[in-house]
């Protein structure tokens, strides 16, 4: 099991802290503020104009296991717009999960596709980003409550409704849209991901020093 502690929370934090205008506009339009934020992020190129984000707002579990790790924007300059920052946050979350995926692949676990659920899974733009960074298809789950559905399936197995977890999944899990990776996008993300991988080791001692102050 892998876990990015501040995945959707990273975008929620950015929305609550920096996107009052988007929240107000969305309320007047009867829209979701995340849609307005995503529209800005889409105007930023892959790599968010050379801006990287570390999503360690709550420390990090996988694969770092460091409660002192903290969030950071790397490469911030006067050229950057709010759309760049939003895209960097979304990319940083994708890179964080890619690190976990690399661990699985290093252990010989074949990952043929992925399913996205919850708030972030509703964004076609973010799902496409995930597919491109992971290099595998990313599909949606019809149920908006993935963890609750999983718990219900396990309860069904325990109660004898299903003979196995796989049988329960086959009966209860329904998939929706699917984003296929775009090879040229995957290639464009790769150097930014490799740079991202080196940031935590470079900052680890500083995180620990800061936590002790």
N, C-alpha and C. Protein backbone atom coordinates (compact mmCIF):
# COMPACT_ATOMS: atom_id res chain seq x y z
N UNK A 1 0.84 -1.19 0.00
CA UNK A 1 0.00 0.00 0.00
C UNK A 1 0.88 1.24 0.00
N UNK A 2 0.53 2.21 -0.81
CA UNK A 2 1.25 3.49 -0.82
C UNK A 2 0.29 4.59 -0.40
N UNK A 3 0.85 5.68 0.06
CA UNK A 3 -0.01 6.77 0.55
C UNK A 3 0.70 8.10 0.44
N UNK A 4 0.10 9.04 -0.27
CA UNK A 4 0.54 10.44 -0.26
C UNK A 4 -0.37 11.16 0.73
N UNK A 5 0.19 11.61 1.84
CA UNK A 5 -0.64 12.13 2.93
C UNK A 5 -1.40 13.39 2.55
N UNK A 6 -0.84 14.20 1.67
CA UNK A 6 -1.51 15.45 1.29
C UNK A 6 -1.67 15.50 -0.23
N UNK A 7 -2.45 14.58 -0.75
CA UNK A 7 -2.71 14.53 -2.19
C UNK A 7 -3.80 15.55 -2.54
N UNK A 8 -5.06 15.15 -2.39
CA UNK A 8 -6.14 16.12 -2.60
C UNK A 8 -6.05 17.29 -1.64
N UNK A 9 -5.50 17.05 -0.45
CA UNK A 9 -5.36 18.11 0.54
C UNK A 9 -4.47 19.23 0.03
N UNK A 10 -3.47 18.92 -0.79
CA UNK A 10 -2.59 19.96 -1.32
C UNK A 10 -3.38 20.96 -2.16
N UNK A 11 -4.25 20.44 -3.03
CA UNK A 11 -5.04 21.35 -3.87
C UNK A 11 -6.09 22.07 -3.03
N UNK A 12 -6.66 21.39 -2.05
CA UNK A 12 -7.62 22.03 -1.16
C UNK A 12 -6.97 23.17 -0.36
N UNK A 13 -5.75 22.91 0.14
CA UNK A 13 -5.02 23.95 0.87
C UNK A 13 -4.77 25.15 -0.02
N UNK A 14 -4.37 24.91 -1.28
CA UNK A 14 -4.11 26.02 -2.19
C UNK A 14 -5.40 26.79 -2.46
N UNK A 15 -6.49 26.06 -2.67
CA UNK A 15 -7.79 26.71 -2.90
C UNK A 15 -8.17 27.59 -1.72
N UNK A 16 -8.09 27.05 -0.52
CA UNK A 16 -8.53 27.79 0.66
C UNK A 16 -7.63 28.98 0.97
N UNK A 17 -6.36 28.87 0.62
CA UNK A 17 -5.40 29.90 1.00
C UNK A 17 -5.25 30.99 -0.06
N UNK A 18 -5.31 30.63 -1.33
CA UNK A 18 -4.96 31.58 -2.39
C UNK A 18 -6.06 31.82 -3.43
N UNK A 19 -7.19 31.14 -3.34
CA UNK A 19 -8.17 31.22 -4.42
C UNK A 19 -9.52 31.74 -3.96
N UNK A 20 -9.50 32.81 -3.15
CA UNK A 20 -10.76 33.41 -2.71
C UNK A 20 -11.57 33.93 -3.90
N UNK A 21 -10.89 34.50 -4.89
CA UNK A 21 -11.60 35.03 -6.06
C UNK A 21 -12.29 33.92 -6.83
N UNK A 22 -11.61 32.79 -6.99
CA UNK A 22 -12.21 31.66 -7.70
C UNK A 22 -13.39 31.09 -6.93
N UNK A 23 -13.28 31.04 -5.62
CA UNK A 23 -14.37 30.53 -4.81
C UNK A 23 -15.59 31.45 -4.90
N UNK A 24 -15.34 32.75 -4.89
CA UNK A 24 -16.46 33.70 -4.99
C UNK A 24 -17.10 33.63 -6.36
N UNK A 25 -16.28 33.58 -7.41
CA UNK A 25 -16.82 33.50 -8.76
C UNK A 25 -17.61 32.21 -8.96
N UNK A 26 -17.08 31.10 -8.45
CA UNK A 26 -17.76 29.82 -8.60
C UNK A 26 -19.10 29.82 -7.89
N UNK A 27 -19.16 30.44 -6.72
CA UNK A 27 -20.42 30.51 -5.98
C UNK A 27 -21.47 31.28 -6.78
N UNK A 28 -21.04 32.35 -7.45
CA UNK A 28 -21.98 33.13 -8.26
C UNK A 28 -22.43 32.41 -9.51
N UNK A 29 -21.58 31.53 -10.01
CA UNK A 29 -21.89 30.78 -11.23
C UNK A 29 -22.57 29.45 -10.95
N UNK A 30 -22.60 29.05 -9.67
CA UNK A 30 -23.10 27.73 -9.34
C UNK A 30 -22.17 26.64 -9.83
N UNK A 31 -20.87 26.95 -9.82
CA UNK A 31 -19.87 26.01 -10.33
C UNK A 31 -18.94 25.56 -9.21
N UNK A 32 -18.05 24.66 -9.53
CA UNK A 32 -17.05 24.16 -8.59
C UNK A 32 -15.79 25.01 -8.73
N UNK A 33 -15.28 25.58 -7.65
CA UNK A 33 -14.05 26.40 -7.78
C UNK A 33 -12.89 25.63 -8.35
N UNK A 34 -12.86 24.31 -8.14
CA UNK A 34 -11.77 23.52 -8.70
C UNK A 34 -11.78 23.55 -10.23
N UNK A 35 -12.96 23.69 -10.83
CA UNK A 35 -13.04 23.78 -12.28
C UNK A 35 -12.37 25.06 -12.77
N UNK A 36 -12.56 26.16 -12.05
CA UNK A 36 -11.92 27.42 -12.43
C UNK A 36 -10.41 27.34 -12.21
N UNK A 37 -10.00 26.67 -11.16
CA UNK A 37 -8.57 26.49 -10.90
C UNK A 37 -7.93 25.62 -11.99
N UNK A 38 -8.62 24.55 -12.36
CA UNK A 38 -8.09 23.65 -13.38
C UNK A 38 -7.96 24.37 -14.72
N UNK A 39 -8.92 25.25 -15.02
CA UNK A 39 -8.86 26.00 -16.28
C UNK A 39 -7.60 26.85 -16.32
N UNK A 40 -7.19 27.41 -15.19
CA UNK A 40 -5.95 28.17 -15.13
C UNK A 40 -4.74 27.26 -15.29
N UNK A 41 -4.78 26.11 -14.63
CA UNK A 41 -3.66 25.17 -14.71
C UNK A 41 -3.45 24.67 -16.13
N UNK A 42 -4.53 24.51 -16.88
CA UNK A 42 -4.43 24.00 -18.24
C UNK A 42 -3.69 24.97 -19.17
N UNK A 43 -3.63 26.25 -18.78
CA UNK A 43 -2.92 27.23 -19.60
C UNK A 43 -1.41 27.21 -19.33
N UNK A 44 -1.01 26.45 -18.32
CA UNK A 44 0.41 26.31 -17.99
C UNK A 44 0.94 25.04 -18.67
N UNK A 45 2.17 25.06 -19.18
CA UNK A 45 2.70 23.89 -19.88
C UNK A 45 3.15 22.80 -18.92
N UNK A 46 3.42 21.62 -19.45
CA UNK A 46 4.01 20.54 -18.66
C UNK A 46 5.28 21.05 -18.00
N UNK A 47 5.39 20.81 -16.70
CA UNK A 47 6.52 21.35 -15.95
C UNK A 47 6.23 22.68 -15.30
N UNK A 48 5.02 23.22 -15.56
CA UNK A 48 4.55 24.45 -14.91
C UNK A 48 5.58 25.57 -15.02
N UNK A 49 6.17 25.72 -16.22
CA UNK A 49 7.19 26.75 -16.44
C UNK A 49 8.35 26.60 -15.45
N UNK A 50 8.82 25.37 -15.33
CA UNK A 50 9.98 25.03 -14.49
C UNK A 50 9.72 25.31 -13.01
N UNK A 51 8.57 24.85 -12.55
CA UNK A 51 8.20 25.00 -11.14
C UNK A 51 7.81 23.64 -10.59
N UNK A 52 8.39 23.26 -9.47
CA UNK A 52 8.10 21.97 -8.84
C UNK A 52 7.51 22.19 -7.45
N UNK A 53 6.67 21.27 -7.04
CA UNK A 53 6.02 21.34 -5.73
C UNK A 53 6.20 20.03 -5.00
N UNK A 54 6.61 20.10 -3.74
CA UNK A 54 6.70 18.93 -2.87
C UNK A 54 5.45 18.90 -1.99
N UNK A 55 4.63 17.84 -2.06
CA UNK A 55 3.34 17.83 -1.37
C UNK A 55 3.41 17.33 0.07
N UNK A 56 4.42 17.74 0.82
CA UNK A 56 4.63 17.19 2.15
C UNK A 56 4.03 18.08 3.23
N UNK A 57 2.78 18.48 3.05
CA UNK A 57 2.14 19.39 4.00
C UNK A 57 1.92 18.74 5.36
N UNK A 58 1.83 17.42 5.39
CA UNK A 58 1.58 16.69 6.64
C UNK A 58 2.72 15.72 6.94
N UNK A 59 3.95 16.06 6.50
CA UNK A 59 4.99 15.05 6.49
C UNK A 59 4.71 14.10 5.33
N UNK A 60 5.40 12.99 5.28
CA UNK A 60 5.11 12.03 4.21
C UNK A 60 5.32 10.60 4.70
N UNK A 61 4.49 9.72 4.15
CA UNK A 61 4.54 8.30 4.52
C UNK A 61 5.28 7.51 3.46
N UNK A 62 4.73 7.42 2.27
CA UNK A 62 5.32 6.58 1.23
C UNK A 62 5.97 7.43 0.14
N UNK A 63 7.16 7.07 -0.30
CA UNK A 63 8.03 6.03 0.27
C UNK A 63 9.08 6.62 1.21
N UNK A 64 8.81 7.79 1.78
CA UNK A 64 9.84 8.50 2.56
C UNK A 64 9.80 8.19 4.05
N UNK A 65 8.61 8.03 4.61
CA UNK A 65 8.43 7.78 6.04
C UNK A 65 9.16 8.84 6.87
N UNK A 66 8.75 10.10 6.70
CA UNK A 66 9.41 11.21 7.38
C UNK A 66 8.35 12.22 7.83
N UNK A 67 8.07 12.25 9.12
CA UNK A 67 7.05 13.17 9.63
C UNK A 67 7.53 14.61 9.62
N UNK A 68 8.85 14.84 9.47
CA UNK A 68 9.39 16.20 9.45
C UNK A 68 9.44 16.80 8.05
N UNK A 69 9.18 16.02 7.02
CA UNK A 69 9.18 16.56 5.65
C UNK A 69 8.10 17.63 5.53
N UNK A 70 8.38 18.66 4.75
CA UNK A 70 7.44 19.76 4.60
C UNK A 70 7.29 20.15 3.14
N UNK A 71 6.19 20.80 2.84
CA UNK A 71 5.90 21.22 1.47
C UNK A 71 6.85 22.31 1.01
N UNK A 72 7.03 22.40 -0.29
CA UNK A 72 7.91 23.43 -0.85
C UNK A 72 7.59 23.64 -2.32
N UNK A 73 7.72 24.89 -2.76
CA UNK A 73 7.77 25.20 -4.19
C UNK A 73 9.24 25.40 -4.55
N UNK A 74 9.70 24.75 -5.60
CA UNK A 74 11.09 24.85 -6.05
C UNK A 74 11.13 25.47 -7.43
N UNK A 75 11.89 26.57 -7.56
CA UNK A 75 12.01 27.23 -8.85
C UNK A 75 11.11 28.43 -9.01
N UNK A 76 10.47 28.86 -7.92
CA UNK A 76 9.52 29.98 -7.99
C UNK A 76 10.22 31.26 -8.43
N UNK A 77 9.63 31.94 -9.41
CA UNK A 77 10.19 33.19 -9.90
C UNK A 77 9.08 34.15 -10.26
N UNK A 78 9.47 35.36 -10.67
CA UNK A 78 8.49 36.41 -10.97
C UNK A 78 7.67 36.11 -12.22
N UNK A 79 8.09 35.14 -13.02
CA UNK A 79 7.33 34.83 -14.24
C UNK A 79 6.10 34.00 -13.93
N UNK A 80 6.06 33.39 -12.75
CA UNK A 80 5.01 32.40 -12.50
C UNK A 80 3.67 33.04 -12.17
N UNK A 81 2.63 32.41 -12.69
CA UNK A 81 1.25 32.84 -12.47
C UNK A 81 0.58 31.88 -11.50
N UNK A 82 -0.63 32.24 -11.10
CA UNK A 82 -1.39 31.34 -10.24
C UNK A 82 -1.64 30.01 -10.95
N UNK A 83 -1.86 30.06 -12.25
CA UNK A 83 -2.06 28.82 -13.00
C UNK A 83 -0.85 27.91 -12.94
N UNK A 84 0.35 28.50 -12.98
CA UNK A 84 1.57 27.70 -12.86
C UNK A 84 1.62 27.02 -11.50
N UNK A 85 1.29 27.77 -10.44
CA UNK A 85 1.34 27.20 -9.10
C UNK A 85 0.32 26.07 -8.95
N UNK A 86 -0.87 26.26 -9.49
CA UNK A 86 -1.89 25.22 -9.41
C UNK A 86 -1.42 23.97 -10.14
N UNK A 87 -0.88 24.16 -11.34
CA UNK A 87 -0.41 23.00 -12.09
C UNK A 87 0.74 22.32 -11.37
N UNK A 88 1.65 23.10 -10.78
CA UNK A 88 2.77 22.51 -10.04
C UNK A 88 2.27 21.66 -8.88
N UNK A 89 1.22 22.12 -8.19
CA UNK A 89 0.65 21.34 -7.10
C UNK A 89 0.11 20.01 -7.62
N UNK A 90 -0.62 20.06 -8.71
CA UNK A 90 -1.19 18.82 -9.28
C UNK A 90 -0.09 17.88 -9.76
N UNK A 91 0.94 18.44 -10.40
CA UNK A 91 2.05 17.61 -10.86
C UNK A 91 2.81 17.01 -9.68
N UNK A 92 3.02 17.81 -8.62
CA UNK A 92 3.74 17.31 -7.46
C UNK A 92 3.07 16.10 -6.83
N UNK A 93 1.74 16.13 -6.76
CA UNK A 93 0.99 14.99 -6.23
C UNK A 93 1.18 13.78 -7.15
N UNK A 94 1.14 14.01 -8.45
CA UNK A 94 1.34 12.92 -9.40
C UNK A 94 2.73 12.33 -9.26
N UNK A 95 3.74 13.17 -9.10
CA UNK A 95 5.12 12.67 -8.94
C UNK A 95 5.26 11.89 -7.64
N UNK A 96 4.59 12.34 -6.59
CA UNK A 96 4.65 11.63 -5.31
C UNK A 96 4.13 10.21 -5.45
N UNK A 97 3.00 10.06 -6.12
CA UNK A 97 2.46 8.72 -6.32
C UNK A 97 3.29 7.91 -7.32
N UNK A 98 3.93 8.60 -8.27
CA UNK A 98 4.82 7.90 -9.20
C UNK A 98 5.98 7.26 -8.44
N UNK A 99 6.50 7.94 -7.41
CA UNK A 99 7.56 7.34 -6.61
C UNK A 99 7.10 6.03 -5.97
N UNK A 100 5.88 6.03 -5.48
CA UNK A 100 5.33 4.81 -4.89
C UNK A 100 5.16 3.73 -5.96
N UNK A 101 4.69 4.13 -7.12
CA UNK A 101 4.51 3.19 -8.23
C UNK A 101 5.84 2.57 -8.64
N UNK A 102 6.90 3.38 -8.62
CA UNK A 102 8.22 2.87 -8.98
C UNK A 102 8.68 1.79 -8.01
N UNK A 103 8.29 1.92 -6.74
CA UNK A 103 8.62 0.89 -5.76
C UNK A 103 7.93 -0.42 -6.13
N UNK A 104 6.64 -0.34 -6.46
CA UNK A 104 5.91 -1.54 -6.86
C UNK A 104 6.57 -2.19 -8.08
N UNK A 105 6.87 -1.37 -9.07
CA UNK A 105 7.46 -1.90 -10.29
C UNK A 105 8.84 -2.49 -10.02
N UNK A 106 9.58 -1.87 -9.09
CA UNK A 106 10.88 -2.41 -8.71
C UNK A 106 10.77 -3.77 -8.05
N UNK A 107 9.63 -4.06 -7.45
CA UNK A 107 9.39 -5.36 -6.81
C UNK A 107 8.80 -6.37 -7.78
N UNK A 108 8.66 -5.95 -9.04
CA UNK A 108 8.14 -6.86 -10.04
C UNK A 108 6.63 -6.91 -10.12
N UNK A 109 5.96 -5.94 -9.49
CA UNK A 109 4.49 -5.89 -9.55
C UNK A 109 4.08 -5.22 -10.86
N UNK A 110 3.33 -5.93 -11.68
CA UNK A 110 2.90 -5.39 -12.97
C UNK A 110 1.66 -4.52 -12.76
N UNK A 111 1.76 -3.26 -13.11
CA UNK A 111 0.63 -2.33 -12.99
C UNK A 111 0.14 -2.03 -14.40
N UNK A 112 -0.99 -2.61 -14.77
CA UNK A 112 -1.51 -2.46 -16.12
C UNK A 112 -2.41 -1.25 -16.27
N UNK A 113 -3.13 -0.89 -15.20
CA UNK A 113 -3.96 0.30 -15.24
C UNK A 113 -4.24 0.74 -13.81
N UNK A 114 -4.88 1.90 -13.68
CA UNK A 114 -5.20 2.44 -12.36
C UNK A 114 -6.62 2.97 -12.36
N UNK A 115 -7.17 3.05 -11.16
CA UNK A 115 -8.51 3.62 -10.98
C UNK A 115 -8.40 4.84 -10.08
N UNK A 116 -9.04 5.92 -10.46
CA UNK A 116 -9.04 7.15 -9.67
C UNK A 116 -10.43 7.37 -9.10
N UNK A 117 -10.50 7.65 -7.80
CA UNK A 117 -11.79 7.92 -7.17
C UNK A 117 -11.63 9.12 -6.26
N UNK A 118 -12.72 9.59 -5.70
CA UNK A 118 -12.66 10.75 -4.84
C UNK A 118 -12.67 12.04 -5.64
N UNK A 119 -12.42 13.16 -4.95
CA UNK A 119 -12.52 14.47 -5.58
C UNK A 119 -11.57 14.65 -6.75
N UNK A 120 -10.30 14.28 -6.57
CA UNK A 120 -9.34 14.43 -7.65
C UNK A 120 -9.66 13.60 -8.85
N UNK A 121 -10.29 12.45 -8.65
CA UNK A 121 -10.64 11.57 -9.75
C UNK A 121 -11.70 12.14 -10.67
N UNK A 122 -12.39 13.20 -10.23
CA UNK A 122 -13.43 13.79 -11.08
C UNK A 122 -12.85 14.70 -12.15
N UNK A 123 -11.58 15.04 -12.07
CA UNK A 123 -10.96 15.98 -13.01
C UNK A 123 -10.33 15.23 -14.19
N UNK A 124 -10.89 15.37 -15.40
CA UNK A 124 -10.26 14.72 -16.57
C UNK A 124 -8.83 15.21 -16.78
N UNK A 125 -8.59 16.49 -16.50
CA UNK A 125 -7.25 17.05 -16.68
C UNK A 125 -6.25 16.38 -15.75
N UNK A 126 -6.62 16.22 -14.48
CA UNK A 126 -5.72 15.60 -13.51
C UNK A 126 -5.54 14.12 -13.82
N UNK A 127 -6.62 13.44 -14.24
CA UNK A 127 -6.50 12.02 -14.60
C UNK A 127 -5.57 11.84 -15.80
N UNK A 128 -5.66 12.74 -16.77
CA UNK A 128 -4.77 12.63 -17.92
C UNK A 128 -3.32 12.84 -17.50
N UNK A 129 -3.11 13.77 -16.58
CA UNK A 129 -1.77 14.00 -16.05
C UNK A 129 -1.24 12.73 -15.37
N UNK A 130 -2.09 12.10 -14.57
CA UNK A 130 -1.69 10.87 -13.90
C UNK A 130 -1.34 9.78 -14.90
N UNK A 131 -2.18 9.62 -15.92
CA UNK A 131 -1.92 8.60 -16.95
C UNK A 131 -0.58 8.86 -17.64
N UNK A 132 -0.31 10.12 -17.93
CA UNK A 132 0.94 10.46 -18.62
C UNK A 132 2.15 10.23 -17.72
N UNK A 133 2.05 10.62 -16.45
CA UNK A 133 3.17 10.45 -15.52
C UNK A 133 3.40 8.98 -15.19
N UNK A 134 2.32 8.20 -15.05
CA UNK A 134 2.43 6.78 -14.71
C UNK A 134 2.75 5.92 -15.91
N UNK A 135 2.40 6.40 -17.10
CA UNK A 135 2.58 5.59 -18.29
C UNK A 135 1.62 4.43 -18.37
N UNK A 136 0.43 4.58 -17.80
CA UNK A 136 -0.58 3.52 -17.88
C UNK A 136 -1.97 4.17 -17.87
N UNK A 137 -3.00 3.46 -18.35
CA UNK A 137 -4.34 4.02 -18.36
C UNK A 137 -4.83 4.31 -16.94
N UNK A 138 -5.61 5.37 -16.80
CA UNK A 138 -6.23 5.73 -15.52
C UNK A 138 -7.73 5.86 -15.77
N UNK A 139 -8.51 5.03 -15.09
CA UNK A 139 -9.96 5.03 -15.28
C UNK A 139 -10.65 5.56 -14.03
N UNK A 140 -11.89 5.91 -14.18
CA UNK A 140 -12.69 6.38 -13.05
C UNK A 140 -13.50 5.23 -12.48
N UNK A 141 -13.92 5.43 -11.25
CA UNK A 141 -14.84 4.51 -10.59
C UNK A 141 -16.18 5.23 -10.47
N UNK A 142 -17.25 4.55 -10.86
CA UNK A 142 -18.57 5.18 -10.85
C UNK A 142 -18.93 5.67 -9.45
N UNK A 143 -18.61 4.86 -8.43
CA UNK A 143 -18.88 5.27 -7.06
C UNK A 143 -17.92 6.38 -6.66
N UNK A 144 -18.44 7.47 -6.11
CA UNK A 144 -17.60 8.58 -5.66
C UNK A 144 -16.88 8.27 -4.37
N UNK A 145 -17.33 7.25 -3.65
CA UNK A 145 -16.76 6.92 -2.34
C UNK A 145 -15.98 5.61 -2.42
N UNK A 146 -14.77 5.70 -2.94
CA UNK A 146 -13.95 4.50 -3.11
C UNK A 146 -13.66 3.76 -1.82
N UNK A 147 -13.16 4.44 -0.77
CA UNK A 147 -12.87 3.73 0.49
C UNK A 147 -14.10 3.07 1.10
N UNK A 148 -15.23 3.79 1.06
CA UNK A 148 -16.45 3.21 1.63
C UNK A 148 -16.90 1.99 0.83
N UNK A 149 -16.76 2.06 -0.49
CA UNK A 149 -17.13 0.91 -1.32
C UNK A 149 -16.23 -0.28 -1.00
N UNK A 150 -14.93 -0.02 -0.84
CA UNK A 150 -14.01 -1.10 -0.49
C UNK A 150 -14.37 -1.73 0.84
N UNK A 151 -14.72 -0.89 1.83
CA UNK A 151 -15.12 -1.42 3.13
C UNK A 151 -16.38 -2.26 3.02
N UNK A 152 -17.32 -1.82 2.17
CA UNK A 152 -18.56 -2.57 1.99
C UNK A 152 -18.29 -3.94 1.35
N UNK A 153 -17.36 -3.96 0.38
CA UNK A 153 -17.00 -5.24 -0.26
C UNK A 153 -16.38 -6.18 0.76
N UNK A 154 -15.47 -5.67 1.59
CA UNK A 154 -14.84 -6.51 2.62
C UNK A 154 -15.89 -7.03 3.60
N UNK A 155 -16.85 -6.16 3.96
CA UNK A 155 -17.91 -6.59 4.86
C UNK A 155 -18.75 -7.68 4.20
N UNK A 156 -18.99 -7.53 2.90
CA UNK A 156 -19.75 -8.55 2.18
C UNK A 156 -19.05 -9.89 2.16
N UNK A 157 -17.71 -9.86 2.01
CA UNK A 157 -16.94 -11.10 2.06
C UNK A 157 -17.03 -11.72 3.46
N UNK A 158 -16.88 -10.86 4.48
CA UNK A 158 -16.95 -11.35 5.85
C UNK A 158 -18.31 -11.93 6.20
N UNK A 159 -19.36 -11.36 5.62
CA UNK A 159 -20.71 -11.83 5.91
C UNK A 159 -21.14 -12.99 5.01
N UNK A 160 -20.28 -13.37 4.08
CA UNK A 160 -20.61 -14.48 3.21
C UNK A 160 -21.41 -14.11 1.98
N UNK A 161 -21.63 -12.81 1.75
CA UNK A 161 -22.34 -12.38 0.54
C UNK A 161 -21.50 -12.68 -0.70
N UNK A 162 -20.19 -12.47 -0.58
CA UNK A 162 -19.26 -12.78 -1.67
C UNK A 162 -18.28 -13.84 -1.16
N UNK A 163 -17.88 -14.73 -2.07
CA UNK A 163 -16.95 -15.79 -1.68
C UNK A 163 -15.52 -15.29 -1.54
N UNK A 164 -15.21 -14.18 -2.22
CA UNK A 164 -13.86 -13.64 -2.18
C UNK A 164 -13.89 -12.15 -2.47
N UNK A 165 -12.78 -11.48 -2.21
CA UNK A 165 -12.68 -10.05 -2.52
C UNK A 165 -12.78 -9.83 -4.02
N UNK A 166 -12.15 -10.69 -4.80
CA UNK A 166 -12.21 -10.53 -6.26
C UNK A 166 -13.65 -10.68 -6.76
N UNK A 167 -14.41 -11.60 -6.17
CA UNK A 167 -15.81 -11.76 -6.57
C UNK A 167 -16.61 -10.51 -6.18
N UNK A 168 -16.34 -9.98 -5.00
CA UNK A 168 -17.03 -8.77 -4.56
C UNK A 168 -16.72 -7.59 -5.45
N UNK A 169 -15.44 -7.45 -5.84
CA UNK A 169 -15.06 -6.35 -6.74
C UNK A 169 -15.75 -6.49 -8.10
N UNK A 170 -15.78 -7.71 -8.61
CA UNK A 170 -16.42 -7.95 -9.91
C UNK A 170 -17.90 -7.59 -9.86
N UNK A 171 -18.54 -7.80 -8.70
CA UNK A 171 -19.97 -7.54 -8.58
C UNK A 171 -20.28 -6.07 -8.30
N UNK A 172 -19.40 -5.38 -7.58
CA UNK A 172 -19.76 -4.04 -7.07
C UNK A 172 -19.03 -2.88 -7.73
N UNK A 173 -17.86 -3.14 -8.29
CA UNK A 173 -17.07 -2.03 -8.83
C UNK A 173 -17.43 -1.80 -10.30
N UNK A 174 -17.82 -0.57 -10.61
CA UNK A 174 -18.16 -0.19 -11.98
C UNK A 174 -17.22 0.93 -12.40
N UNK A 175 -16.66 0.80 -13.59
CA UNK A 175 -15.72 1.81 -14.08
C UNK A 175 -16.38 2.72 -15.10
N UNK A 176 -15.83 3.94 -15.21
CA UNK A 176 -16.35 4.93 -16.14
C UNK A 176 -15.30 5.30 -17.18
N UNK A 177 -15.06 6.61 -17.31
CA UNK A 177 -14.12 7.09 -18.31
C UNK A 177 -12.71 6.59 -18.05
N UNK A 178 -11.92 6.54 -19.13
CA UNK A 178 -10.54 6.08 -19.01
C UNK A 178 -9.63 6.99 -19.83
N UNK A 179 -8.57 7.48 -19.20
CA UNK A 179 -7.58 8.29 -19.89
C UNK A 179 -6.38 7.41 -20.27
N UNK A 180 -6.01 7.43 -21.54
CA UNK A 180 -4.84 6.70 -22.00
C UNK A 180 -3.61 7.62 -21.96
N UNK A 181 -2.44 7.08 -21.60
CA UNK A 181 -1.25 7.93 -21.59
C UNK A 181 -0.89 8.39 -22.99
N UNK A 182 -0.42 9.63 -23.08
CA UNK A 182 0.06 10.19 -24.35
C UNK A 182 1.59 10.12 -24.32
N UNK A 183 2.21 9.29 -25.17
CA UNK A 183 3.65 9.05 -25.08
C UNK A 183 4.50 10.31 -25.06
N UNK A 184 4.17 11.29 -25.91
CA UNK A 184 4.99 12.51 -25.92
C UNK A 184 4.86 13.30 -24.62
N UNK A 185 3.68 13.25 -24.00
CA UNK A 185 3.52 13.91 -22.71
C UNK A 185 4.32 13.18 -21.63
N UNK A 186 4.28 11.85 -21.66
CA UNK A 186 5.04 11.06 -20.70
C UNK A 186 6.52 11.41 -20.78
N UNK A 187 7.03 11.55 -21.98
CA UNK A 187 8.43 11.91 -22.16
C UNK A 187 8.74 13.30 -21.67
N UNK A 188 7.78 14.22 -21.82
CA UNK A 188 8.00 15.60 -21.38
C UNK A 188 8.01 15.71 -19.86
N UNK A 189 7.21 14.88 -19.19
CA UNK A 189 7.17 14.90 -17.72
C UNK A 189 8.43 14.31 -17.10
N UNK A 190 9.08 13.37 -17.78
CA UNK A 190 10.12 12.55 -17.16
C UNK A 190 11.28 13.36 -16.57
N UNK A 191 11.86 14.35 -17.27
CA UNK A 191 12.97 15.09 -16.64
C UNK A 191 12.54 15.86 -15.40
N UNK A 192 11.30 16.35 -15.37
CA UNK A 192 10.82 17.04 -14.18
C UNK A 192 10.64 16.06 -13.03
N UNK A 193 10.16 14.86 -13.34
CA UNK A 193 10.01 13.84 -12.30
C UNK A 193 11.37 13.44 -11.73
N UNK A 194 12.36 13.26 -12.58
CA UNK A 194 13.68 12.89 -12.10
C UNK A 194 14.27 13.98 -11.21
N UNK A 195 14.04 15.23 -11.56
CA UNK A 195 14.49 16.34 -10.72
C UNK A 195 13.75 16.33 -9.39
N UNK A 196 12.43 16.09 -9.45
CA UNK A 196 11.61 16.00 -8.24
C UNK A 196 12.17 14.95 -7.29
N UNK A 197 12.57 13.81 -7.81
CA UNK A 197 13.07 12.72 -6.97
C UNK A 197 14.29 13.14 -6.15
N UNK A 198 15.07 14.05 -6.66
CA UNK A 198 16.28 14.46 -5.96
C UNK A 198 16.06 15.55 -4.93
N UNK A 199 14.88 16.16 -4.90
CA UNK A 199 14.67 17.30 -4.01
C UNK A 199 14.57 16.89 -2.55
N UNK A 200 13.83 15.83 -2.24
CA UNK A 200 13.71 15.43 -0.84
C UNK A 200 15.07 15.06 -0.24
N UNK A 201 15.89 14.21 -0.90
CA UNK A 201 17.21 13.93 -0.31
C UNK A 201 18.04 15.18 -0.08
N UNK A 202 17.93 16.16 -0.99
CA UNK A 202 18.71 17.39 -0.85
C UNK A 202 18.21 18.25 0.31
N UNK A 203 16.92 18.16 0.62
CA UNK A 203 16.31 19.02 1.65
C UNK A 203 16.09 18.32 2.98
N UNK A 204 16.32 17.02 3.04
CA UNK A 204 15.99 16.24 4.23
C UNK A 204 16.61 16.82 5.51
N UNK A 205 17.89 17.11 5.49
CA UNK A 205 18.54 17.63 6.70
C UNK A 205 17.95 18.98 7.09
N UNK A 206 17.62 19.80 6.10
CA UNK A 206 17.02 21.11 6.39
C UNK A 206 15.63 20.94 7.01
N UNK A 207 14.87 19.98 6.55
CA UNK A 207 13.56 19.70 7.14
C UNK A 207 13.72 19.32 8.61
N UNK A 208 14.67 18.48 8.91
CA UNK A 208 14.86 18.01 10.29
C UNK A 208 15.37 19.13 11.19
N UNK A 209 16.26 19.98 10.64
CA UNK A 209 16.75 21.12 11.41
C UNK A 209 15.62 22.09 11.71
N UNK A 210 14.80 22.34 10.70
CA UNK A 210 13.67 23.26 10.87
C UNK A 210 12.69 22.73 11.91
N UNK A 211 12.44 21.44 11.91
CA UNK A 211 11.51 20.84 12.87
C UNK A 211 12.02 20.96 14.29
N UNK A 212 13.34 21.04 14.46
CA UNK A 212 13.93 21.09 15.80
C UNK A 212 14.05 22.52 16.35
N UNK A 213 13.83 23.52 15.51
CA UNK A 213 13.97 24.90 15.96
C UNK A 213 12.86 25.31 16.93
